[in-house]
Structure formats: structure tokens, C-alpha cells
Amino acid sequence: MPLPEDLQALRNHIAENPRGFERVVQAAAFRKMFGSVHGDRLTRVPRGFPADHPAGEYLKYKQFLASRTLEPEIVTSPQFYKTVLETFRGMLPFIRFLNEPIVAARRTRERQEALMRF
């Protein structure tokens, strides 16, 4: 679960780029491998965003999770390594989208803190 300030940055990013987020989570490969995004959610769109925002359903999330269920036998098979790599590659666009605003916000905070020390 992101820290409150990171969650706000993430929600702002989704609100500003609803089509980009939708492209990631609605991509055929993502849906086939992970289904859909899940995690704890608010019942309403958070304060500061219009209730009818195009990404309103995604803005409700407090966690952004994607998971894949594998057959137990795969863990001991020669295919396991390939499956793990495939899973991480499939999740990469999702992780990149989620990390982008968090990394940018943290860099901004670090710069501001560094300036305040001088």
C-alpha cells in the first residue's frame, strides 16, 4: 500500500493519464495473465477528483495489485524459470506506470529538503 503522499501522486498521475493507465490494465496480455487490478478500495472517488472522472473506478484504489495463479506443479518443473520471467515481463508496464509518479514525487521532495538544509 503506497504512503499517503505517494498514493496522492499516483492518483494524480492516473487522473491526468486515464487512457495510458487504461491501456496498461486493459491490454490483452495483462488481462490474460493477471485478470484485472485489485486491492483495497474506497467506496467513492476520493476528495479532489470529480465523481464522474473517466478513471474514477481506478482512483478509488488504495492498493494496486495484480496477481497470477499458477498450478502447483509448475514450481518444480523446468518451466518455472520461464514462467517467472514471463510474469515479470507481463507486469513491467503496470509497475512502470505506477512507479513513475512516485519516483518523480520523491525526487521533488528530496530536492526541496536539500534546498531547505542550505
PDB file of N, CA and C in Angstrom:
ATOM      1  N   MET A   1       0.850  -1.166   0.000  1.00  0.00           N
ATOM      2  CA  MET A   1       0.000   0.000   0.000  1.00  0.00           C
ATOM      3  C   MET A   1       0.903   1.238   0.000  1.00  0.00           C
ATOM      4  N   PRO A   2       0.709   2.126  -0.944  1.00  0.00           N
ATOM      5  CA  PRO A   2       1.563   3.318  -1.002  1.00  0.00           C
ATOM      6  C   PRO A   2       1.358   4.228   0.205  1.00  0.00           C
ATOM      7  N   LEU A   3       2.395   4.962   0.537  1.00  0.00           N
ATOM      8  CA  LEU A   3       2.278   6.002   1.562  1.00  0.00           C
ATOM      9  C   LEU A   3       1.249   7.024   1.083  1.00  0.00           C
ATOM     10  N   PRO A   4       0.602   7.749   1.988  1.00  0.00           N
ATOM     11  CA  PRO A   4      -0.435   8.708   1.569  1.00  0.00           C
ATOM     12  C   PRO A   4       0.034   9.693   0.489  1.00  0.00           C
ATOM     13  N   GLU A   5       1.241  10.236   0.650  1.00  0.00           N
ATOM     14  CA  GLU A   5       1.721  11.204  -0.351  1.00  0.00           C
ATOM     15  C   GLU A   5       2.007  10.522  -1.693  1.00  0.00           C
ATOM     16  N   ASP A   6       2.454   9.270  -1.648  1.00  0.00           N
ATOM     17  CA  ASP A   6       2.690   8.522  -2.889  1.00  0.00           C
ATOM     18  C   ASP A   6       1.372   8.144  -3.545  1.00  0.00           C
ATOM     19  N   LEU A   7       0.396   7.785  -2.740  1.00  0.00           N
ATOM     20  CA  LEU A   7      -0.924   7.440  -3.275  1.00  0.00           C
ATOM     21  C   LEU A   7      -1.547   8.647  -3.959  1.00  0.00           C
ATOM     22  N   GLN A   8      -1.378   9.827  -3.365  1.00  0.00           N
ATOM     23  CA  GLN A   8      -1.916  11.038  -3.989  1.00  0.00           C
ATOM     24  C   GLN A   8      -1.225  11.302  -5.325  1.00  0.00           C
ATOM     25  N   ALA A   9       0.090  11.152  -5.359  1.00  0.00           N
ATOM     26  CA  ALA A   9       0.829  11.351  -6.616  1.00  0.00           C
ATOM     27  C   ALA A   9       0.370  10.339  -7.661  1.00  0.00           C
ATOM     28  N   LEU A  10       0.154   9.115  -7.245  1.00  0.00           N
ATOM     29  CA  LEU A  10      -0.293   8.069  -8.159  1.00  0.00           C
ATOM     30  C   LEU A  10      -1.695   8.361  -8.684  1.00  0.00           C
ATOM     31  N   ARG A  11      -2.583   8.749  -7.803  1.00  0.00           N
ATOM     32  CA  ARG A  11      -3.948   9.092  -8.244  1.00  0.00           C
ATOM     33  C   ARG A  11      -3.925  10.276  -9.206  1.00  0.00           C
ATOM     34  N   ASN A  12      -3.109  11.276  -8.914  1.00  0.00           N
ATOM     35  CA  ASN A  12      -2.999  12.423  -9.829  1.00  0.00           C
ATOM     36  C   ASN A  12      -2.513  11.966 -11.195  1.00  0.00           C
ATOM     37  N   HIS A  13      -1.544  11.071 -11.206  1.00  0.00           N
ATOM     38  CA  HIS A  13      -0.991  10.551 -12.463  1.00  0.00           C
ATOM     39  C   HIS A  13      -2.062   9.794 -13.253  1.00  0.00           C
ATOM     40  N   ILE A  14      -2.830   8.974 -12.572  1.00  0.00           N
ATOM     41  CA  ILE A  14      -3.908   8.239 -13.244  1.00  0.00           C
ATOM     42  C   ILE A  14      -4.960   9.217 -13.758  1.00  0.00           C
ATOM     43  N   ALA A  15      -5.308  10.215 -12.939  1.00  0.00           N
ATOM     44  CA  ALA A  15      -6.318  11.196 -13.343  1.00  0.00           C
ATOM     45  C   ALA A  15      -5.865  11.997 -14.556  1.00  0.00           C
ATOM     46  N   GLU A  16      -4.562  12.293 -14.632  1.00  0.00           N
ATOM     47  CA  GLU A  16      -4.028  13.057 -15.759  1.00  0.00           C
ATOM     48  C   GLU A  16      -3.800  12.188 -16.990  1.00  0.00           C
ATOM     49  N   ASN A  17      -3.671  10.883 -16.795  1.00  0.00           N
ATOM     50  CA  ASN A  17      -3.379   9.954 -17.895  1.00  0.00           C
ATOM     51  C   ASN A  17      -4.321   8.749 -17.875  1.00  0.00           C
ATOM     52  N   PRO A  18      -5.634   8.988 -17.855  1.00  0.00           N
ATOM     53  CA  PRO A  18      -6.542   7.840 -17.737  1.00  0.00           C
ATOM     54  C   PRO A  18      -6.416   6.856 -18.892  1.00  0.00           C
ATOM     55  N   ARG A  19      -6.196   7.358 -20.087  1.00  0.00           N
ATOM     56  CA  ARG A  19      -6.054   6.461 -21.248  1.00  0.00           C
ATOM     57  C   ARG A  19      -4.794   5.622 -21.153  1.00  0.00           C
ATOM     58  N   GLY A  20      -3.706   6.219 -20.667  1.00  0.00           N
ATOM     59  CA  GLY A  20      -2.459   5.481 -20.525  1.00  0.00           C
ATOM     60  C   GLY A  20      -2.602   4.346 -19.523  1.00  0.00           C
ATOM     61  N   PHE A  21      -3.247   4.626 -18.381  1.00  0.00           N
ATOM     62  CA  PHE A  21      -3.444   3.584 -17.393  1.00  0.00           C
ATOM     63  C   PHE A  21      -4.378   2.512 -17.933  1.00  0.00           C
ATOM     64  N   GLU A  22      -5.419   2.940 -18.580  1.00  0.00           N
ATOM     65  CA  GLU A  22      -6.380   2.003 -19.165  1.00  0.00           C
ATOM     66  C   GLU A  22      -5.698   1.101 -20.196  1.00  0.00           C
ATOM     67  N   ARG A  23      -4.823   1.677 -21.009  1.00  0.00           N
ATOM     68  CA  ARG A  23      -4.088   0.866 -21.997  1.00  0.00           C
ATOM     69  C   ARG A  23      -3.273  -0.226 -21.324  1.00  0.00           C
ATOM     70  N   VAL A  24      -2.661   0.112 -20.195  1.00  0.00           N
ATOM     71  CA  VAL A  24      -1.834  -0.864 -19.483  1.00  0.00           C
ATOM     72  C   VAL A  24      -2.693  -1.981 -18.911  1.00  0.00           C
ATOM     73  N   VAL A  25      -3.739  -1.625 -18.179  1.00  0.00           N
ATOM     74  CA  VAL A  25      -4.513  -2.650 -17.461  1.00  0.00           C
ATOM     75  C   VAL A  25      -5.561  -3.343 -18.323  1.00  0.00           C
ATOM     76  N   GLN A  26      -5.842  -2.793 -19.485  1.00  0.00           N
ATOM     77  CA  GLN A  26      -6.793  -3.440 -20.392  1.00  0.00           C
ATOM     78  C   GLN A  26      -6.098  -4.150 -21.548  1.00  0.00           C
ATOM     79  N   ALA A  27      -4.776  -4.099 -21.577  1.00  0.00           N
ATOM     80  CA  ALA A  27      -4.031  -4.797 -22.634  1.00  0.00           C
ATOM     81  C   ALA A  27      -4.350  -6.285 -22.560  1.00  0.00           C
ATOM     82  N   ALA A  28      -4.482  -6.901 -23.694  1.00  0.00           N
ATOM     83  CA  ALA A  28      -4.841  -8.322 -23.755  1.00  0.00           C
ATOM     84  C   ALA A  28      -3.871  -9.184 -22.950  1.00  0.00           C
ATOM     85  N   ALA A  29      -2.587  -8.907 -23.067  1.00  0.00           N
ATOM     86  CA  ALA A  29      -1.585  -9.713 -22.357  1.00  0.00           C
ATOM     87  C   ALA A  29      -1.739  -9.558 -20.841  1.00  0.00           C
ATOM     88  N   PHE A  30      -1.984  -8.336 -20.375  1.00  0.00           N
ATOM     89  CA  PHE A  30      -2.160  -8.103 -18.944  1.00  0.00           C
ATOM     90  C   PHE A  30      -3.405  -8.828 -18.443  1.00  0.00           C
ATOM     91  N   ARG A  31      -4.508  -8.658 -19.165  1.00  0.00           N
ATOM     92  CA  ARG A  31      -5.757  -9.290 -18.736  1.00  0.00           C
ATOM     93  C   ARG A  31      -5.658 -10.812 -18.757  1.00  0.00           C
ATOM     94  N   LYS A  32      -4.988 -11.351 -19.769  1.00  0.00           N
ATOM     95  CA  LYS A  32      -4.848 -12.802 -19.856  1.00  0.00           C
ATOM     96  C   LYS A  32      -4.022 -13.343 -18.688  1.00  0.00           C
ATOM     97  N   MET A  33      -2.965 -12.638 -18.346  1.00  0.00           N
ATOM     98  CA  MET A  33      -2.057 -13.116 -17.305  1.00  0.00           C
ATOM     99  C   MET A  33      -2.555 -12.796 -15.891  1.00  0.00           C
ATOM    100  N   PHE A  34      -3.107 -11.600 -15.685  1.00  0.00           N
ATOM    101  CA  PHE A  34      -3.431 -11.139 -14.333  1.00  0.00           C
ATOM    102  C   PHE A  34      -4.924 -10.902 -14.091  1.00  0.00           C
ATOM    103  N   GLY A  35      -5.698 -10.896 -15.121  1.00  0.00           N
ATOM    104  CA  GLY A  35      -7.122 -10.596 -14.951  1.00  0.00           C
ATOM    105  C   GLY A  35      -7.326  -9.099 -14.889  1.00  0.00           C
ATOM    106  N   SER A  36      -7.469  -8.579 -13.703  1.00  0.00           N
ATOM    107  CA  SER A  36      -7.677  -7.145 -13.533  1.00  0.00           C
ATOM    108  C   SER A  36      -6.927  -6.658 -12.299  1.00  0.00           C
ATOM    109  N   VAL A  37      -6.916  -5.357 -12.132  1.00  0.00           N
ATOM    110  CA  VAL A  37      -6.323  -4.745 -10.946  1.00  0.00           C
ATOM    111  C   VAL A  37      -7.245  -5.035  -9.769  1.00  0.00           C
ATOM    112  N   HIS A  38      -6.660  -5.300  -8.619  1.00  0.00           N
ATOM    113  CA  HIS A  38      -7.458  -5.476  -7.415  1.00  0.00           C
ATOM    114  C   HIS A  38      -6.703  -4.893  -6.226  1.00  0.00           C
ATOM    115  N   GLY A  39      -7.360  -4.859  -5.095  1.00  0.00           N
ATOM    116  CA  GLY A  39      -6.784  -4.296  -3.880  1.00  0.00           C
ATOM    117  C   GLY A  39      -7.838  -3.544  -3.101  1.00  0.00           C
ATOM    118  N   ASP A  40      -7.465  -3.043  -1.933  1.00  0.00           N
ATOM    119  CA  ASP A  40      -8.397  -2.267  -1.113  1.00  0.00           C
ATOM    120  C   ASP A  40      -8.825  -1.024  -1.875  1.00  0.00           C
ATOM    121  N   ARG A  41     -10.104  -0.690  -1.706  1.00  0.00           N
ATOM    122  CA  ARG A  41     -10.671   0.451  -2.427  1.00  0.00           C
ATOM    123  C   ARG A  41     -11.557   1.285  -1.521  1.00  0.00           C
ATOM    124  N   LEU A  42     -11.691   2.524  -1.903  1.00  0.00           N
ATOM    125  CA  LEU A  42     -12.678   3.400  -1.284  1.00  0.00           C
ATOM    126  C   LEU A  42     -14.033   3.098  -1.911  1.00  0.00           C
ATOM    127  N   THR A  43     -15.084   3.511  -1.256  1.00  0.00           N
ATOM    128  CA  THR A  43     -16.414   3.317  -1.845  1.00  0.00           C
ATOM    129  C   THR A  43     -16.754   4.434  -2.821  1.00  0.00           C
ATOM    130  N   ARG A  44     -16.110   5.576  -2.659  1.00  0.00           N
ATOM    131  CA  ARG A  44     -16.353   6.725  -3.549  1.00  0.00           C
ATOM    132  C   ARG A  44     -15.037   7.240  -4.117  1.00  0.00           C
ATOM    133  N   VAL A  45     -15.142   8.004  -5.158  1.00  0.00           N
ATOM    134  CA  VAL A  45     -13.968   8.660  -5.731  1.00  0.00           C
ATOM    135  C   VAL A  45     -13.411   9.597  -4.655  1.00  0.00           C
ATOM    136  N   PRO A  46     -12.091   9.597  -4.454  1.00  0.00           N
ATOM    137  CA  PRO A  46     -11.521  10.418  -3.375  1.00  0.00           C
ATOM    138  C   PRO A  46     -11.755  11.916  -3.577  1.00  0.00           C
ATOM    139  N   ARG A  47     -11.753  12.608  -2.467  1.00  0.00           N
ATOM    140  CA  ARG A  47     -11.914  14.061  -2.471  1.00  0.00           C
ATOM    141  C   ARG A  47     -10.875  14.693  -3.394  1.00  0.00           C
ATOM    142  N   GLY A  48     -11.310  15.701  -4.106  1.00  0.00           N
ATOM    143  CA  GLY A  48     -10.410  16.407  -5.007  1.00  0.00           C
ATOM    144  C   GLY A  48     -10.530  15.959  -6.453  1.00  0.00           C
ATOM    145  N   PHE A  49     -11.280  14.881  -6.686  1.00  0.00           N
ATOM    146  CA  PHE A  49     -11.499  14.385  -8.047  1.00  0.00           C
ATOM    147  C   PHE A  49     -13.004  14.376  -8.319  1.00  0.00           C
ATOM    148  N   PRO A  50     -13.409  14.722  -9.540  1.00  0.00           N
ATOM    149  CA  PRO A  50     -14.839  14.688  -9.839  1.00  0.00           C
ATOM    150  C   PRO A  50     -15.385  13.258  -9.753  1.00  0.00           C
ATOM    151  N   ALA A  51     -16.589  13.125  -9.230  1.00  0.00           N
ATOM    152  CA  ALA A  51     -17.210  11.804  -9.079  1.00  0.00           C
ATOM    153  C   ALA A  51     -17.365  11.089 -10.412  1.00  0.00           C
ATOM    154  N   ASP A  52     -17.476  11.844 -11.493  1.00  0.00           N
ATOM    155  CA  ASP A  52     -17.666  11.239 -12.817  1.00  0.00           C
ATOM    156  C   ASP A  52     -16.370  11.196 -13.634  1.00  0.00           C
ATOM    157  N   HIS A  53     -15.238  11.266 -12.958  1.00  0.00           N
ATOM    158  CA  HIS A  53     -13.949  11.233 -13.663  1.00  0.00           C
ATOM    159  C   HIS A  53     -13.847   9.944 -14.476  1.00  0.00           C
ATOM    160  N   PRO A  54     -13.305  10.012 -15.705  1.00  0.00           N
ATOM    161  CA  PRO A  54     -13.188   8.809 -16.542  1.00  0.00           C
ATOM    162  C   PRO A  54     -12.414   7.668 -15.874  1.00  0.00           C
ATOM    163  N   ALA A  55     -11.494   7.997 -14.989  1.00  0.00           N
ATOM    164  CA  ALA A  55     -10.714   6.967 -14.296  1.00  0.00           C
ATOM    165  C   ALA A  55     -11.208   6.797 -12.859  1.00  0.00           C
ATOM    166  N   GLY A  56     -12.417   7.223 -12.588  1.00  0.00           N
ATOM    167  CA  GLY A  56     -12.954   7.216 -11.235  1.00  0.00           C
ATOM    168  C   GLY A  56     -12.850   5.881 -10.525  1.00  0.00           C
ATOM    169  N   GLU A  57     -13.105   4.802 -11.230  1.00  0.00           N
ATOM    170  CA  GLU A  57     -13.034   3.485 -10.592  1.00  0.00           C
ATOM    171  C   GLU A  57     -11.605   3.154 -10.153  1.00  0.00           C
ATOM    172  N   TYR A  58     -10.624   3.581 -10.928  1.00  0.00           N
ATOM    173  CA  TYR A  58      -9.225   3.338 -10.568  1.00  0.00           C
ATOM    174  C   TYR A  58      -8.756   4.279  -9.467  1.00  0.00           C
ATOM    175  N   LEU A  59      -9.316   5.479  -9.426  1.00  0.00           N
ATOM    176  CA  LEU A  59      -8.924   6.441  -8.396  1.00  0.00           C
ATOM    177  C   LEU A  59      -9.355   5.992  -7.006  1.00  0.00           C
ATOM    178  N   LYS A  60     -10.313   5.099  -6.927  1.00  0.00           N
ATOM    179  CA  LYS A  60     -10.796   4.585  -5.638  1.00  0.00           C
ATOM    180  C   LYS A  60      -9.792   3.643  -4.973  1.00  0.00           C
ATOM    181  N   TYR A  61      -8.892   3.091  -5.752  1.00  0.00           N
ATOM    182  CA  TYR A  61      -7.963   2.109  -5.187  1.00  0.00           C
ATOM    183  C   TYR A  61      -7.018   2.745  -4.172  1.00  0.00           C
ATOM    184  N   LYS A  62      -6.772   2.000  -3.095  1.00  0.00           N
ATOM    185  CA  LYS A  62      -5.751   2.353  -2.104  1.00  0.00           C
ATOM    186  C   LYS A  62      -4.534   1.454  -2.294  1.00  0.00           C
ATOM    187  N   GLN A  63      -4.747   0.347  -2.972  1.00  0.00           N
ATOM    188  CA  GLN A  63      -3.692  -0.599  -3.339  1.00  0.00           C
ATOM    189  C   GLN A  63      -3.885  -0.920  -4.814  1.00  0.00           C
ATOM    190  N   PHE A  64      -2.797  -1.165  -5.495  1.00  0.00           N
ATOM    191  CA  PHE A  64      -2.855  -1.530  -6.909  1.00  0.00           C
ATOM    192  C   PHE A  64      -2.151  -2.867  -7.053  1.00  0.00           C
ATOM    193  N   LEU A  65      -2.937  -3.924  -7.073  1.00  0.00           N
ATOM    194  CA  LEU A  65      -2.380  -5.266  -7.093  1.00  0.00           C
ATOM    195  C   LEU A  65      -2.745  -5.985  -8.381  1.00  0.00           C
ATOM    196  N   ALA A  66      -1.824  -6.802  -8.824  1.00  0.00           N
ATOM    197  CA  ALA A  66      -2.058  -7.710  -9.943  1.00  0.00           C
ATOM    198  C   ALA A  66      -1.389  -9.019  -9.544  1.00  0.00           C
ATOM    199  N   SER A  67      -2.085 -10.106  -9.742  1.00  0.00           N
ATOM    200  CA  SER A  67      -1.512 -11.392  -9.347  1.00  0.00           C
ATOM    201  C   SER A  67      -1.840 -12.452 -10.385  1.00  0.00           C
ATOM    202  N   ARG A  68      -1.073 -13.487 -10.312  1.00  0.00           N
ATOM    203  CA  ARG A  68      -1.231 -14.593 -11.247  1.00  0.00           C
ATOM    204  C   ARG A  68      -1.255 -15.887 -10.446  1.00  0.00           C
ATOM    205  N   THR A  69      -2.200 -16.727 -10.730  1.00  0.00           N
ATOM    206  CA  THR A  69      -2.299 -18.016 -10.069  1.00  0.00           C
ATOM    207  C   THR A  69      -1.693 -19.076 -10.982  1.00  0.00           C
ATOM    208  N   LEU A  70      -0.802 -19.860 -10.407  1.00  0.00           N
ATOM    209  CA  LEU A  70      -0.142 -20.926 -11.169  1.00  0.00           C
ATOM    210  C   LEU A  70      -0.501 -22.276 -10.568  1.00  0.00           C
ATOM    211  N   GLU A  71      -0.458 -23.261 -11.392  1.00  0.00           N
ATOM    212  CA  GLU A  71      -0.650 -24.624 -10.912  1.00  0.00           C
ATOM    213  C   GLU A  71       0.546 -24.985 -10.028  1.00  0.00           C
ATOM    214  N   PRO A  72       0.323 -25.683  -8.933  1.00  0.00           N
ATOM    215  CA  PRO A  72       1.431 -26.024  -8.024  1.00  0.00           C
ATOM    216  C   PRO A  72       2.573 -26.781  -8.712  1.00  0.00           C
ATOM    217  N   GLU A  73       2.252 -27.589  -9.688  1.00  0.00           N
ATOM    218  CA  GLU A  73       3.275 -28.398 -10.359  1.00  0.00           C
ATOM    219  C   GLU A  73       4.313 -27.553 -11.098  1.00  0.00           C
ATOM    220  N   ILE A  74       3.928 -26.349 -11.479  1.00  0.00           N
ATOM    221  CA  ILE A  74       4.844 -25.511 -12.268  1.00  0.00           C
ATOM    222  C   ILE A  74       6.096 -25.163 -11.461  1.00  0.00           C
ATOM    223  N   VAL A  75       5.971 -25.071 -10.136  1.00  0.00           N
ATOM    224  CA  VAL A  75       7.084 -24.665  -9.279  1.00  0.00           C
ATOM    225  C   VAL A  75       8.251 -25.649  -9.358  1.00  0.00           C
ATOM    226  N   THR A  76       7.966 -26.894  -9.543  1.00  0.00           N
ATOM    227  CA  THR A  76       9.036 -27.900  -9.599  1.00  0.00           C
ATOM    228  C   THR A  76       9.365 -28.322 -11.027  1.00  0.00           C
ATOM    229  N   SER A  77       8.760 -27.666 -11.988  1.00  0.00           N
ATOM    230  CA  SER A  77       9.001 -28.041 -13.384  1.00  0.00           C
ATOM    231  C   SER A  77      10.132 -27.201 -13.983  1.00  0.00           C
ATOM    232  N   PRO A  78      10.692 -27.660 -15.080  1.00  0.00           N
ATOM    233  CA  PRO A  78      11.722 -26.872 -15.781  1.00  0.00           C
ATOM    234  C   PRO A  78      11.164 -25.558 -16.345  1.00  0.00           C
ATOM    235  N   GLN A  79       9.847 -25.442 -16.434  1.00  0.00           N
ATOM    236  CA  GLN A  79       9.206 -24.241 -16.986  1.00  0.00           C
ATOM    237  C   GLN A  79       9.108 -23.099 -15.968  1.00  0.00           C
ATOM    238  N   PHE A  80       9.411 -23.377 -14.718  1.00  0.00           N
ATOM    239  CA  PHE A  80       9.200 -22.371 -13.674  1.00  0.00           C
ATOM    240  C   PHE A  80       9.978 -21.082 -13.946  1.00  0.00           C
ATOM    241  N   TYR A  81      11.244 -21.195 -14.258  1.00  0.00           N
ATOM    242  CA  TYR A  81      12.061 -20.007 -14.527  1.00  0.00           C
ATOM    243  C   TYR A  81      11.454 -19.185 -15.660  1.00  0.00           C
ATOM    244  N   LYS A  82      11.090 -19.844 -16.725  1.00  0.00           N
ATOM    245  CA  LYS A  82      10.478 -19.167 -17.872  1.00  0.00           C
ATOM    246  C   LYS A  82       9.163 -18.493 -17.456  1.00  0.00           C
ATOM    247  N   THR A  83       8.389 -19.166 -16.628  1.00  0.00           N
ATOM    248  CA  THR A  83       7.108 -18.621 -16.171  1.00  0.00           C
ATOM    249  C   THR A  83       7.313 -17.385 -15.303  1.00  0.00           C
ATOM    250  N   VAL A  84       8.301 -17.424 -14.427  1.00  0.00           N
ATOM    251  CA  VAL A  84       8.599 -16.265 -13.576  1.00  0.00           C
ATOM    252  C   VAL A  84       9.020 -15.075 -14.442  1.00  0.00           C
ATOM    253  N   LEU A  85       9.901 -15.308 -15.394  1.00  0.00           N
ATOM    254  CA  LEU A  85      10.323 -14.221 -16.292  1.00  0.00           C
ATOM    255  C   LEU A  85       9.144 -13.671 -17.085  1.00  0.00           C
ATOM    256  N   GLU A  86       8.326 -14.551 -17.591  1.00  0.00           N
ATOM    257  CA  GLU A  86       7.147 -14.146 -18.351  1.00  0.00           C
ATOM    258  C   GLU A  86       6.214 -13.291 -17.488  1.00  0.00           C
ATOM    259  N   THR A  87       6.053 -13.679 -16.243  1.00  0.00           N
ATOM    260  CA  THR A  87       5.186 -12.946 -15.320  1.00  0.00           C
ATOM    261  C   THR A  87       5.737 -11.549 -15.053  1.00  0.00           C
ATOM    262  N   PHE A  88       7.024 -11.461 -14.766  1.00  0.00           N
ATOM    263  CA  PHE A  88       7.625 -10.148 -14.513  1.00  0.00           C
ATOM    264  C   PHE A  88       7.588  -9.266 -15.762  1.00  0.00           C
ATOM    265  N   ARG A  89       7.820  -9.846 -16.907  1.00  0.00           N
ATOM    266  CA  ARG A  89       7.731  -9.056 -18.154  1.00  0.00           C
ATOM    267  C   ARG A  89       6.308  -8.572 -18.392  1.00  0.00           C
ATOM    268  N   GLY A  90       5.339  -9.422 -18.087  1.00  0.00           N
ATOM    269  CA  GLY A  90       3.941  -9.036 -18.259  1.00  0.00           C
ATOM    270  C   GLY A  90       3.517  -7.929 -17.311  1.00  0.00           C
ATOM    271  N   MET A  91       4.137  -7.867 -16.152  1.00  0.00           N
ATOM    272  CA  MET A  91       3.782  -6.869 -15.156  1.00  0.00           C
ATOM    273  C   MET A  91       4.574  -5.565 -15.328  1.00  0.00           C
ATOM    274  N   LEU A  92       5.613  -5.584 -16.110  1.00  0.00           N
ATOM    275  CA  LEU A  92       6.505  -4.430 -16.235  1.00  0.00           C
ATOM    276  C   LEU A  92       5.796  -3.130 -16.624  1.00  0.00           C
ATOM    277  N   PRO A  93       4.921  -3.101 -17.631  1.00  0.00           N
ATOM    278  CA  PRO A  93       4.251  -1.833 -17.946  1.00  0.00           C
ATOM    279  C   PRO A  93       3.416  -1.295 -16.776  1.00  0.00           C
ATOM    280  N   PHE A  94       2.784  -2.192 -16.046  1.00  0.00           N
ATOM    281  CA  PHE A  94       1.983  -1.820 -14.885  1.00  0.00           C
ATOM    282  C   PHE A  94       2.874  -1.197 -13.805  1.00  0.00           C
ATOM    283  N   ILE A  95       3.962  -1.862 -13.484  1.00  0.00           N
ATOM    284  CA  ILE A  95       4.896  -1.373 -12.469  1.00  0.00           C
ATOM    285  C   ILE A  95       5.503  -0.042 -12.887  1.00  0.00           C
ATOM    286  N   ARG A  96       5.877   0.070 -14.133  1.00  0.00           N
ATOM    287  CA  ARG A  96       6.461   1.335 -14.611  1.00  0.00           C
ATOM    288  C   ARG A  96       5.466   2.482 -14.482  1.00  0.00           C
ATOM    289  N   PHE A  97       4.224   2.240 -14.870  1.00  0.00           N
ATOM    290  CA  PHE A  97       3.218   3.290 -14.774  1.00  0.00           C
ATOM    291  C   PHE A  97       3.035   3.709 -13.316  1.00  0.00           C
ATOM    292  N   LEU A  98       2.965   2.728 -12.418  1.00  0.00           N
ATOM    293  CA  LEU A  98       2.757   3.033 -11.001  1.00  0.00           C
ATOM    294  C   LEU A  98       3.964   3.713 -10.371  1.00  0.00           C
ATOM    295  N   ASN A  99       5.148   3.334 -10.762  1.00  0.00           N
ATOM    296  CA  ASN A  99       6.362   3.896 -10.169  1.00  0.00           C
ATOM    297  C   ASN A  99       6.684   5.302 -10.655  1.00  0.00           C
ATOM    298  N   GLU A 100       6.312   5.617 -11.874  1.00  0.00           N
ATOM    299  CA  GLU A 100       6.680   6.908 -12.472  1.00  0.00           C
ATOM    300  C   GLU A 100       6.320   8.105 -11.586  1.00  0.00           C
ATOM    301  N   PRO A 101       5.075   8.256 -11.150  1.00  0.00           N
ATOM    302  CA  PRO A 101       4.751   9.434 -10.336  1.00  0.00           C
ATOM    303  C   PRO A 101       5.342   9.370  -8.927  1.00  0.00           C
ATOM    304  N   ILE A 102       5.496   8.174  -8.400  1.00  0.00           N
ATOM    305  CA  ILE A 102       6.050   8.034  -7.049  1.00  0.00           C
ATOM    306  C   ILE A 102       7.517   8.440  -7.043  1.00  0.00           C
ATOM    307  N   VAL A 103       8.271   7.969  -8.018  1.00  0.00           N
ATOM    308  CA  VAL A 103       9.691   8.322  -8.119  1.00  0.00           C
ATOM    309  C   VAL A 103       9.843   9.823  -8.344  1.00  0.00           C
ATOM    310  N   ALA A 104       9.026  10.380  -9.228  1.00  0.00           N
ATOM    311  CA  ALA A 104       9.107  11.822  -9.505  1.00  0.00           C
ATOM    312  C   ALA A 104       8.777  12.636  -8.256  1.00  0.00           C
ATOM    313  N   ALA A 105       7.749  12.234  -7.522  1.00  0.00           N
ATOM    314  CA  ALA A 105       7.361  12.972  -6.309  1.00  0.00           C
ATOM    315  C   ALA A 105       8.447  12.878  -5.248  1.00  0.00           C
ATOM    316  N   ARG A 106       9.039  11.724  -5.110  1.00  0.00           N
ATOM    317  CA  ARG A 106      10.104  11.571  -4.107  1.00  0.00           C
ATOM    318  C   ARG A 106      11.331  12.389  -4.476  1.00  0.00           C
ATOM    319  N   ARG A 107      11.668  12.417  -5.745  1.00  0.00           N
ATOM    320  CA  ARG A 107      12.818  13.239  -6.171  1.00  0.00           C
ATOM    321  C   ARG A 107      12.546  14.705  -5.883  1.00  0.00           C
ATOM    322  N   THR A 108      11.333  15.149  -6.144  1.00  0.00           N
ATOM    323  CA  THR A 108      10.974  16.540  -5.869  1.00  0.00           C
ATOM    324  C   THR A 108      11.088  16.834  -4.382  1.00  0.00           C
ATOM    325  N   ARG A 109      10.571  15.927  -3.545  1.00  0.00           N
ATOM    326  CA  ARG A 109      10.662  16.125  -2.092  1.00  0.00           C
ATOM    327  C   ARG A 109      12.118  16.156  -1.633  1.00  0.00           C
ATOM    328  N   GLU A 110      12.935  15.255  -2.175  1.00  0.00           N
ATOM    329  CA  GLU A 110      14.350  15.221  -1.799  1.00  0.00           C
ATOM    330  C   GLU A 110      15.046  16.520  -2.178  1.00  0.00           C
ATOM    331  N   ARG A 111      14.741  17.045  -3.369  1.00  0.00           N
ATOM    332  CA  ARG A 111      15.344  18.313  -3.783  1.00  0.00           C
ATOM    333  C   ARG A 111      14.911  19.454  -2.869  1.00  0.00           C
ATOM    334  N   GLN A 112      13.621  19.478  -2.520  1.00  0.00           N
ATOM    335  CA  GLN A 112      13.125  20.522  -1.634  1.00  0.00           C
ATOM    336  C   GLN A 112      13.761  20.429  -0.262  1.00  0.00           C
ATOM    337  N   GLU A 113      13.919  19.212   0.255  1.00  0.00           N
ATOM    338  CA  GLU A 113      14.564  19.024   1.554  1.00  0.00           C
ATOM    339  C   GLU A 113      16.027  19.454   1.491  1.00  0.00           C
ATOM    340  N   ALA A 114      16.693  19.141   0.391  1.00  0.00           N
ATOM    341  CA  ALA A 114      18.101  19.521   0.252  1.00  0.00           C
ATOM    342  C   ALA A 114      18.233  21.043   0.209  1.00  0.00           C
ATOM    343  N   LEU A 115      17.323  21.713  -0.476  1.00  0.00           N
ATOM    344  CA  LEU A 115      17.365  23.177  -0.545  1.00  0.00           C
ATOM    345  C   LEU A 115      17.104  23.795   0.826  1.00  0.00           C
ATOM    346  N   MET A 116      16.251  23.178   1.596  1.00  0.00           N
ATOM    347  CA  MET A 116      15.931  23.733   2.916  1.00  0.00           C
ATOM    348  C   MET A 116      17.114  23.575   3.877  1.00  0.00           C
ATOM    349  N   ARG A 117      17.985  22.624   3.625  1.00  0.00           N
ATOM    350  CA  ARG A 117      19.150  22.433   4.503  1.00  0.00           C
ATOM    351  C   ARG A 117      20.212  23.510   4.277  1.00  0.00           C
ATOM    352  N   PHE A 118      20.174  24.136   3.113  1.00  0.00           N
ATOM    353  CA  PHE A 118      21.179  25.155   2.809  1.00  0.00           C
ATOM    354  C   PHE A 118      20.804  26.482   3.319  1.00  0.00           C
TER     355      PHE A 118
END
